[in-house]
Amino acid sequence: MRSARLGRLLWMLFITEIQAATELPVEKYILAEGETLNVNCPVTVGVYSNSRKAWQKLNRNGKFQTLAITERVSGQVSKVQVGKIFLTDEPSEGMLHVQMTNVQAEDSGLYRCVIYQPPKDPIILFYPVRLVVTNCLYHGPQDSHLHLHECARSLSAERENK
């Protein structure tokens, strides 16, 4: 009986290790409000070159919401804009370029680049991206060089601690 419990415990530990190993590391970006997020997502050339790609954000319900999707253009560069999100799919280079302009605090969250293939689950292309947008809490004159210096120093400190 004791060996059976030990066996179950070892099995549970093994399963837990497998689950931990399959979780992707997260790429963290810390930006000030108004800055631009640029992410390059590598794509396997030849395999997914002609597939539709998407930029998704994890919503409050724990599900990923698709924010922008490229078109299926065989071998050609595909560009799409949805609001402040720009996607550029360069199949010959094997790269999906994502740009989010004028980021705001409410844009903070977890994002990912995927191969978009509904109704099947998407294929994750790159590490999930954790975006943290700060509003730089310096309270001096907004137009002073000191303001810019304090904001830059504050952001540098946050970026070093990521």
N, C-alpha and C. Protein backbone atom coordinates (compact mmCIF):
# COMPACT_ATOMS: atom_id res chain seq x y z
N MET A 1 0.83 -1.19 0.00
CA MET A 1 0.00 0.00 0.00
C MET A 1 0.87 1.26 0.00
N ARG A 2 1.95 1.20 0.79
CA ARG A 2 2.83 2.35 0.87
C ARG A 2 3.53 2.58 -0.48
N SER A 3 3.92 1.51 -1.15
CA SER A 3 4.58 1.66 -2.45
C SER A 3 3.59 2.17 -3.50
N ALA A 4 2.31 1.82 -3.36
CA ALA A 4 1.29 2.33 -4.29
C ALA A 4 1.14 3.84 -4.13
N ARG A 5 1.13 4.32 -2.88
CA ARG A 5 1.04 5.76 -2.64
C ARG A 5 2.28 6.48 -3.18
N LEU A 6 3.44 5.88 -2.95
CA LEU A 6 4.67 6.46 -3.44
C LEU A 6 4.65 6.52 -4.97
N GLY A 7 4.15 5.45 -5.59
CA GLY A 7 4.04 5.42 -7.05
C GLY A 7 3.12 6.51 -7.57
N ARG A 8 1.97 6.70 -6.91
CA ARG A 8 1.04 7.77 -7.32
C ARG A 8 1.67 9.14 -7.15
N LEU A 9 2.39 9.32 -6.04
CA LEU A 9 3.06 10.59 -5.78
C LEU A 9 4.10 10.88 -6.85
N LEU A 10 4.89 9.87 -7.20
CA LEU A 10 5.89 10.05 -8.25
C LEU A 10 5.23 10.34 -9.59
N TRP A 11 4.13 9.67 -9.88
CA TRP A 11 3.40 9.90 -11.13
C TRP A 11 2.88 11.33 -11.19
N MET A 12 2.30 11.83 -10.07
CA MET A 12 1.79 13.20 -10.03
C MET A 12 2.93 14.20 -10.21
N LEU A 13 4.07 13.93 -9.61
CA LEU A 13 5.23 14.80 -9.75
C LEU A 13 5.70 14.82 -11.21
N PHE A 14 5.71 13.65 -11.84
CA PHE A 14 6.10 13.54 -13.24
C PHE A 14 5.17 14.37 -14.14
N ILE A 15 3.87 14.23 -13.94
CA ILE A 15 2.88 14.98 -14.73
C ILE A 15 3.05 16.48 -14.51
N THR A 16 3.26 16.90 -13.27
CA THR A 16 3.46 18.31 -12.97
C THR A 16 4.69 18.85 -13.69
N GLU A 17 5.77 18.08 -13.73
CA GLU A 17 6.99 18.50 -14.42
C GLU A 17 6.75 18.64 -15.92
N ILE A 18 6.00 17.71 -16.49
CA ILE A 18 5.69 17.79 -17.93
C ILE A 18 4.89 19.05 -18.21
N GLN A 19 3.88 19.35 -17.40
CA GLN A 19 3.08 20.55 -17.61
C GLN A 19 3.94 21.80 -17.49
N ALA A 20 4.82 21.86 -16.53
CA ALA A 20 5.69 23.02 -16.34
C ALA A 20 6.63 23.18 -17.53
N ALA A 21 7.09 22.07 -18.09
CA ALA A 21 8.03 22.13 -19.21
C ALA A 21 7.35 22.62 -20.48
N THR A 22 6.04 22.43 -20.61
CA THR A 22 5.34 22.84 -21.83
C THR A 22 4.89 24.30 -21.79
N GLU A 23 4.98 24.95 -20.64
CA GLU A 23 4.62 26.36 -20.58
C GLU A 23 5.72 27.19 -21.23
N LEU A 24 5.31 28.12 -22.09
CA LEU A 24 6.28 28.95 -22.78
C LEU A 24 6.77 30.08 -21.88
N PRO A 25 8.05 30.44 -22.01
CA PRO A 25 8.51 31.62 -21.29
C PRO A 25 7.82 32.86 -21.88
N VAL A 26 7.78 33.93 -21.13
CA VAL A 26 7.10 35.15 -21.57
C VAL A 26 8.14 36.22 -21.87
N GLU A 27 7.98 36.90 -22.99
CA GLU A 27 8.83 38.02 -23.38
C GLU A 27 8.16 39.28 -22.81
N LYS A 28 8.86 40.04 -21.96
CA LYS A 28 8.25 41.19 -21.29
C LYS A 28 8.72 42.50 -21.92
N TYR A 29 7.75 43.39 -22.20
CA TYR A 29 8.03 44.72 -22.73
C TYR A 29 7.44 45.74 -21.77
N ILE A 30 8.24 46.72 -21.35
CA ILE A 30 7.76 47.79 -20.49
C ILE A 30 7.88 49.08 -21.27
N LEU A 31 6.75 49.74 -21.50
CA LEU A 31 6.71 50.97 -22.28
C LEU A 31 5.95 52.05 -21.52
N ALA A 32 6.23 53.30 -21.87
CA ALA A 32 5.47 54.42 -21.33
C ALA A 32 4.27 54.66 -22.24
N GLU A 33 3.22 55.25 -21.69
CA GLU A 33 2.06 55.59 -22.52
C GLU A 33 2.52 56.45 -23.69
N GLY A 34 1.95 56.17 -24.86
CA GLY A 34 2.30 56.92 -26.06
C GLY A 34 3.40 56.28 -26.88
N GLU A 35 4.14 55.33 -26.31
CA GLU A 35 5.21 54.68 -27.05
C GLU A 35 4.64 53.62 -27.99
N THR A 36 5.52 53.03 -28.80
CA THR A 36 5.12 52.02 -29.78
C THR A 36 5.76 50.68 -29.44
N LEU A 37 4.93 49.64 -29.43
CA LEU A 37 5.40 48.27 -29.24
C LEU A 37 5.74 47.68 -30.60
N ASN A 38 6.94 47.11 -30.73
CA ASN A 38 7.35 46.41 -31.94
C ASN A 38 7.77 45.00 -31.56
N VAL A 39 7.14 44.01 -32.17
CA VAL A 39 7.45 42.61 -31.91
C VAL A 39 7.66 41.91 -33.25
N ASN A 40 8.72 41.11 -33.34
CA ASN A 40 8.96 40.29 -34.52
C ASN A 40 8.74 38.84 -34.16
N CYS A 41 7.82 38.20 -34.86
CA CYS A 41 7.49 36.80 -34.59
C CYS A 41 8.01 35.93 -35.73
N PRO A 42 9.01 35.08 -35.47
CA PRO A 42 9.54 34.20 -36.51
C PRO A 42 8.49 33.17 -36.96
N VAL A 43 8.48 32.92 -38.26
CA VAL A 43 7.56 31.96 -38.87
C VAL A 43 8.39 30.96 -39.66
N THR A 44 8.08 29.68 -39.56
CA THR A 44 8.82 28.67 -40.31
C THR A 44 8.55 28.85 -41.81
N VAL A 45 9.61 29.21 -42.55
CA VAL A 45 9.48 29.44 -43.99
C VAL A 45 9.10 28.13 -44.67
N GLY A 46 8.17 28.21 -45.60
CA GLY A 46 7.74 27.03 -46.34
C GLY A 46 6.60 26.29 -45.67
N VAL A 47 6.58 26.27 -44.35
CA VAL A 47 5.52 25.54 -43.64
C VAL A 47 4.30 26.43 -43.46
N TYR A 48 4.53 27.65 -42.94
CA TYR A 48 3.41 28.55 -42.65
C TYR A 48 3.44 29.82 -43.50
N SER A 49 4.25 29.83 -44.55
CA SER A 49 4.40 31.03 -45.37
C SER A 49 3.08 31.56 -45.90
N ASN A 50 2.20 30.67 -46.34
CA ASN A 50 0.93 31.10 -46.93
C ASN A 50 -0.24 31.03 -45.96
N SER A 51 0.05 30.86 -44.69
CA SER A 51 -1.03 30.79 -43.69
C SER A 51 -1.38 32.18 -43.19
N ARG A 52 -2.61 32.31 -42.71
CA ARG A 52 -3.02 33.57 -42.08
C ARG A 52 -2.42 33.63 -40.68
N LYS A 53 -1.94 34.81 -40.32
CA LYS A 53 -1.36 35.01 -38.99
C LYS A 53 -2.21 36.03 -38.24
N ALA A 54 -2.15 35.97 -36.90
CA ALA A 54 -2.97 36.88 -36.10
C ALA A 54 -2.22 37.34 -34.86
N TRP A 55 -2.67 38.46 -34.33
CA TRP A 55 -2.19 39.03 -33.07
C TRP A 55 -3.35 38.95 -32.10
N GLN A 56 -3.13 38.31 -30.97
CA GLN A 56 -4.21 38.06 -30.01
C GLN A 56 -3.84 38.58 -28.63
N LYS A 57 -4.88 38.92 -27.85
CA LYS A 57 -4.70 39.38 -26.46
C LYS A 57 -5.56 38.52 -25.55
N LEU A 58 -5.00 38.15 -24.41
CA LEU A 58 -5.74 37.39 -23.41
C LEU A 58 -6.74 38.32 -22.74
N ASN A 59 -8.04 37.95 -22.80
CA ASN A 59 -9.06 38.81 -22.18
C ASN A 59 -9.33 38.40 -20.74
N ARG A 60 -10.21 39.11 -20.10
CA ARG A 60 -10.50 38.88 -18.67
C ARG A 60 -11.13 37.51 -18.41
N ASN A 61 -11.72 36.92 -19.43
CA ASN A 61 -12.34 35.59 -19.28
C ASN A 61 -11.34 34.46 -19.43
N GLY A 62 -10.06 34.81 -19.63
CA GLY A 62 -9.04 33.79 -19.79
C GLY A 62 -8.96 33.21 -21.19
N LYS A 63 -9.61 33.87 -22.16
CA LYS A 63 -9.56 33.40 -23.55
C LYS A 63 -8.85 34.45 -24.40
N PHE A 64 -8.17 33.98 -25.44
CA PHE A 64 -7.49 34.91 -26.33
C PHE A 64 -8.46 35.49 -27.34
N GLN A 65 -8.40 36.80 -27.51
CA GLN A 65 -9.24 37.53 -28.46
C GLN A 65 -8.35 37.94 -29.63
N THR A 66 -8.81 37.67 -30.85
CA THR A 66 -8.06 38.03 -32.04
C THR A 66 -8.27 39.51 -32.33
N LEU A 67 -7.16 40.26 -32.41
CA LEU A 67 -7.23 41.70 -32.63
C LEU A 67 -6.99 42.09 -34.08
N ALA A 68 -6.15 41.33 -34.79
CA ALA A 68 -5.86 41.61 -36.19
C ALA A 68 -5.42 40.32 -36.87
N ILE A 69 -5.79 40.16 -38.16
CA ILE A 69 -5.48 38.94 -38.92
C ILE A 69 -4.94 39.34 -40.28
N THR A 70 -3.88 38.66 -40.73
CA THR A 70 -3.37 38.90 -42.08
C THR A 70 -4.23 38.17 -43.09
N GLU A 71 -4.10 38.57 -44.34
CA GLU A 71 -4.79 37.87 -45.43
C GLU A 71 -3.87 36.78 -45.97
N ARG A 72 -4.45 35.82 -46.63
CA ARG A 72 -3.68 34.73 -47.23
C ARG A 72 -3.23 35.18 -48.63
N VAL A 73 -1.98 35.60 -48.74
CA VAL A 73 -1.43 36.07 -50.01
C VAL A 73 -0.20 35.22 -50.30
N SER A 74 -0.28 34.40 -51.35
CA SER A 74 0.79 33.43 -51.53
C SER A 74 2.11 34.08 -51.94
N GLY A 75 3.06 33.99 -51.00
CA GLY A 75 4.41 34.46 -51.24
C GLY A 75 4.61 35.97 -51.20
N GLN A 76 3.55 36.74 -51.14
CA GLN A 76 3.65 38.20 -51.18
C GLN A 76 3.59 38.79 -49.77
N VAL A 77 4.19 39.97 -49.62
CA VAL A 77 4.10 40.69 -48.34
C VAL A 77 2.65 41.11 -48.14
N SER A 78 2.15 40.85 -46.95
CA SER A 78 0.77 41.19 -46.61
C SER A 78 0.78 42.18 -45.45
N LYS A 79 0.08 43.31 -45.62
CA LYS A 79 0.00 44.32 -44.56
C LYS A 79 -1.45 44.55 -44.21
N VAL A 80 -1.70 44.67 -42.90
CA VAL A 80 -3.06 44.94 -42.44
C VAL A 80 -2.98 45.89 -41.25
N GLN A 81 -3.96 46.79 -41.18
CA GLN A 81 -4.06 47.70 -40.04
C GLN A 81 -5.45 47.60 -39.44
N VAL A 82 -5.50 47.42 -38.12
CA VAL A 82 -6.76 47.45 -37.38
C VAL A 82 -6.54 48.43 -36.24
N GLY A 83 -7.10 49.64 -36.37
CA GLY A 83 -6.88 50.66 -35.36
C GLY A 83 -5.40 50.99 -35.26
N LYS A 84 -4.84 50.83 -34.07
CA LYS A 84 -3.43 51.16 -33.85
C LYS A 84 -2.51 49.95 -33.98
N ILE A 85 -3.06 48.84 -34.47
CA ILE A 85 -2.27 47.61 -34.66
C ILE A 85 -1.95 47.45 -36.14
N PHE A 86 -0.66 47.24 -36.43
CA PHE A 86 -0.20 47.02 -37.79
C PHE A 86 0.49 45.66 -37.84
N LEU A 87 0.06 44.81 -38.78
CA LEU A 87 0.72 43.52 -39.00
C LEU A 87 1.34 43.53 -40.39
N THR A 88 2.58 43.08 -40.48
CA THR A 88 3.24 42.91 -41.77
C THR A 88 3.78 41.50 -41.82
N ASP A 89 3.24 40.71 -42.74
CA ASP A 89 3.66 39.32 -42.92
C ASP A 89 4.62 39.27 -44.09
N GLU A 90 5.87 38.88 -43.83
CA GLU A 90 6.88 38.76 -44.88
C GLU A 90 7.26 37.29 -45.03
N PRO A 91 6.51 36.55 -45.88
CA PRO A 91 6.71 35.10 -46.01
C PRO A 91 8.12 34.70 -46.41
N SER A 92 8.75 35.46 -47.32
CA SER A 92 10.09 35.07 -47.78
C SER A 92 11.13 35.24 -46.68
N GLU A 93 10.89 36.15 -45.74
CA GLU A 93 11.81 36.34 -44.61
C GLU A 93 11.42 35.49 -43.41
N GLY A 94 10.24 34.89 -43.45
CA GLY A 94 9.77 34.10 -42.32
C GLY A 94 9.55 34.94 -41.07
N MET A 95 8.87 36.09 -41.26
CA MET A 95 8.69 37.00 -40.13
C MET A 95 7.32 37.69 -40.19
N LEU A 96 6.68 37.73 -39.03
CA LEU A 96 5.48 38.54 -38.85
C LEU A 96 5.88 39.70 -37.96
N HIS A 97 5.76 40.91 -38.49
CA HIS A 97 6.08 42.12 -37.72
C HIS A 97 4.78 42.66 -37.14
N VAL A 98 4.79 42.91 -35.83
CA VAL A 98 3.62 43.46 -35.14
C VAL A 98 4.02 44.82 -34.58
N GLN A 99 3.15 45.80 -34.81
CA GLN A 99 3.38 47.13 -34.25
C GLN A 99 2.08 47.63 -33.64
N MET A 100 2.17 48.08 -32.39
CA MET A 100 1.03 48.72 -31.72
C MET A 100 1.48 50.13 -31.36
N THR A 101 0.83 51.13 -31.95
CA THR A 101 1.23 52.51 -31.71
C THR A 101 0.45 53.11 -30.55
N ASN A 102 1.03 54.15 -29.98
CA ASN A 102 0.37 54.93 -28.93
C ASN A 102 -0.24 54.05 -27.84
N VAL A 103 0.58 53.15 -27.27
CA VAL A 103 0.05 52.24 -26.24
C VAL A 103 -0.38 53.01 -25.00
N GLN A 104 -1.42 52.52 -24.35
CA GLN A 104 -1.98 53.12 -23.15
C GLN A 104 -2.01 52.07 -22.04
N ALA A 105 -2.21 52.51 -20.81
CA ALA A 105 -2.21 51.60 -19.67
C ALA A 105 -3.18 50.44 -19.88
N GLU A 106 -4.34 50.71 -20.48
CA GLU A 106 -5.33 49.64 -20.69
C GLU A 106 -4.88 48.61 -21.72
N ASP A 107 -3.81 48.91 -22.47
CA ASP A 107 -3.26 47.93 -23.41
C ASP A 107 -2.38 46.89 -22.71
N SER A 108 -2.04 47.13 -21.45
CA SER A 108 -1.22 46.17 -20.70
C SER A 108 -1.91 44.81 -20.71
N GLY A 109 -1.11 43.76 -20.85
CA GLY A 109 -1.68 42.41 -20.84
C GLY A 109 -0.79 41.43 -21.55
N LEU A 110 -1.33 40.23 -21.78
CA LEU A 110 -0.60 39.15 -22.41
C LEU A 110 -1.06 39.00 -23.86
N TYR A 111 -0.11 39.02 -24.79
CA TYR A 111 -0.39 38.94 -26.22
C TYR A 111 0.36 37.75 -26.82
N ARG A 112 -0.05 37.37 -28.04
CA ARG A 112 0.69 36.33 -28.75
C ARG A 112 0.46 36.43 -30.25
N CYS A 113 1.47 35.97 -31.00
CA CYS A 113 1.39 35.82 -32.46
C CYS A 113 1.02 34.38 -32.73
N VAL A 114 0.09 34.17 -33.66
CA VAL A 114 -0.34 32.80 -33.94
C VAL A 114 -0.58 32.59 -35.43
N ILE A 115 -0.56 31.30 -35.82
CA ILE A 115 -1.11 30.90 -37.12
C ILE A 115 -2.60 30.76 -36.89
N TYR A 116 -3.37 31.52 -37.65
CA TYR A 116 -4.83 31.59 -37.47
C TYR A 116 -5.48 30.55 -38.38
N GLN A 117 -6.14 29.55 -37.79
CA GLN A 117 -6.72 28.46 -38.58
C GLN A 117 -8.03 27.95 -38.00
N PRO A 118 -9.02 28.84 -37.81
CA PRO A 118 -10.28 28.36 -37.22
C PRO A 118 -10.93 27.32 -38.13
N PRO A 119 -11.64 26.36 -37.59
CA PRO A 119 -12.03 26.20 -36.20
C PRO A 119 -10.96 25.51 -35.35
N LYS A 120 -9.82 25.13 -35.98
CA LYS A 120 -8.75 24.49 -35.20
C LYS A 120 -8.11 25.51 -34.26
N ASP A 121 -7.46 25.00 -33.21
CA ASP A 121 -6.73 25.87 -32.30
C ASP A 121 -5.57 26.53 -33.05
N PRO A 122 -5.25 27.78 -32.68
CA PRO A 122 -4.13 28.44 -33.35
C PRO A 122 -2.80 27.82 -32.95
N ILE A 123 -1.80 28.02 -33.79
CA ILE A 123 -0.44 27.56 -33.51
C ILE A 123 0.35 28.77 -33.04
N ILE A 124 0.93 28.70 -31.86
CA ILE A 124 1.67 29.83 -31.30
C ILE A 124 3.02 29.93 -32.01
N LEU A 125 3.32 31.13 -32.52
CA LEU A 125 4.55 31.35 -33.28
C LEU A 125 5.75 31.74 -32.44
N PHE A 126 5.52 32.44 -31.37
CA PHE A 126 6.61 33.07 -30.62
C PHE A 126 6.22 33.07 -29.16
N TYR A 127 7.17 33.37 -28.30
CA TYR A 127 6.85 33.47 -26.88
C TYR A 127 5.70 34.45 -26.68
N PRO A 128 4.81 34.17 -25.74
CA PRO A 128 3.80 35.17 -25.41
C PRO A 128 4.49 36.47 -24.97
N VAL A 129 3.85 37.58 -25.24
CA VAL A 129 4.40 38.90 -24.94
C VAL A 129 3.61 39.52 -23.80
N ARG A 130 4.29 39.84 -22.71
CA ARG A 130 3.66 40.54 -21.59
C ARG A 130 3.97 42.03 -21.76
N LEU A 131 2.94 42.83 -22.07
CA LEU A 131 3.10 44.27 -22.23
C LEU A 131 2.69 44.96 -20.94
N VAL A 132 3.60 45.79 -20.42
CA VAL A 132 3.31 46.60 -19.24
C VAL A 132 3.47 48.05 -19.67
N VAL A 133 2.38 48.81 -19.59
CA VAL A 133 2.40 50.22 -19.98
C VAL A 133 2.29 51.07 -18.73
N THR A 134 3.27 51.95 -18.54
CA THR A 134 3.26 52.83 -17.37
C THR A 134 2.90 54.24 -17.81
N ASN A 135 2.43 55.03 -16.86
CA ASN A 135 2.09 56.41 -17.21
C ASN A 135 3.07 57.39 -16.59
N CYS A 136 4.24 56.92 -16.20
CA CYS A 136 5.34 57.76 -15.70
C CYS A 136 4.84 58.76 -14.66
N LEU A 137 5.06 58.45 -13.41
CA LEU A 137 4.45 59.16 -12.31
C LEU A 137 5.19 60.42 -11.85
N TYR A 138 6.05 61.00 -12.65
CA TYR A 138 6.74 62.23 -12.27
C TYR A 138 5.74 63.38 -12.29
N HIS A 139 5.75 64.23 -11.24
CA HIS A 139 4.74 65.29 -11.13
C HIS A 139 5.31 66.70 -11.31
N GLY A 140 6.44 66.84 -11.98
CA GLY A 140 7.00 68.17 -12.23
C GLY A 140 6.39 68.78 -13.47
N PRO A 141 6.95 69.92 -13.92
CA PRO A 141 6.43 70.56 -15.14
C PRO A 141 6.54 69.61 -16.33
N GLN A 142 5.45 69.45 -17.05
CA GLN A 142 5.40 68.48 -18.14
C GLN A 142 6.34 68.80 -19.29
N ASP A 143 6.62 70.09 -19.51
CA ASP A 143 7.42 70.45 -20.68
C ASP A 143 8.91 70.60 -20.36
N SER A 144 9.32 70.27 -19.15
CA SER A 144 10.72 70.45 -18.78
C SER A 144 11.57 69.26 -19.20
N HIS A 145 12.87 69.52 -19.38
CA HIS A 145 13.81 68.43 -19.67
C HIS A 145 13.90 67.49 -18.47
N LEU A 146 13.68 68.04 -17.27
CA LEU A 146 13.71 67.24 -16.06
C LEU A 146 12.62 66.16 -16.12
N HIS A 147 11.43 66.53 -16.63
CA HIS A 147 10.34 65.57 -16.76
C HIS A 147 10.77 64.39 -17.64
N LEU A 148 11.35 64.70 -18.78
CA LEU A 148 11.79 63.64 -19.69
C LEU A 148 12.86 62.78 -19.03
N HIS A 149 13.78 63.42 -18.32
CA HIS A 149 14.85 62.69 -17.64
C HIS A 149 14.29 61.77 -16.56
N GLU A 150 13.35 62.27 -15.76
CA GLU A 150 12.76 61.47 -14.68
C GLU A 150 11.96 60.29 -15.24
N CYS A 151 11.20 60.54 -16.30
CA CYS A 151 10.44 59.45 -16.92
C CYS A 151 11.39 58.38 -17.46
N ALA A 152 12.44 58.82 -18.15
CA ALA A 152 13.39 57.87 -18.71
C ALA A 152 14.06 57.07 -17.61
N ARG A 153 14.44 57.74 -16.51
CA ARG A 153 15.08 57.04 -15.40
C ARG A 153 14.12 56.05 -14.75
N SER A 154 12.87 56.46 -14.59
CA SER A 154 11.85 55.59 -14.00
C SER A 154 11.63 54.34 -14.86
N LEU A 155 11.51 54.54 -16.17
CA LEU A 155 11.31 53.41 -17.08
C LEU A 155 12.54 52.50 -17.11
N SER A 156 13.74 53.10 -17.10
CA SER A 156 14.96 52.29 -17.09
C SER A 156 15.01 51.39 -15.87
N ALA A 157 14.64 51.95 -14.72
CA ALA A 157 14.64 51.16 -13.49
C ALA A 157 13.65 50.01 -13.59
N GLU A 158 12.45 50.27 -14.14
CA GLU A 158 11.45 49.21 -14.29
C GLU A 158 11.94 48.14 -15.26
N ARG A 159 12.56 48.57 -16.36
CA ARG A 159 13.03 47.61 -17.36
C ARG A 159 14.14 46.73 -16.81
N GLU A 160 15.01 47.30 -15.95
CA GLU A 160 16.08 46.51 -15.35
C GLU A 160 15.53 45.46 -14.39
N ASN A 161 14.39 45.75 -13.78
CA ASN A 161 13.80 44.82 -12.81
C ASN A 161 12.88 43.79 -13.44
N LYS A 162 12.74 43.81 -14.76
CA LYS A 162 11.83 42.84 -15.38
C LYS A 162 12.45 41.51 -15.33
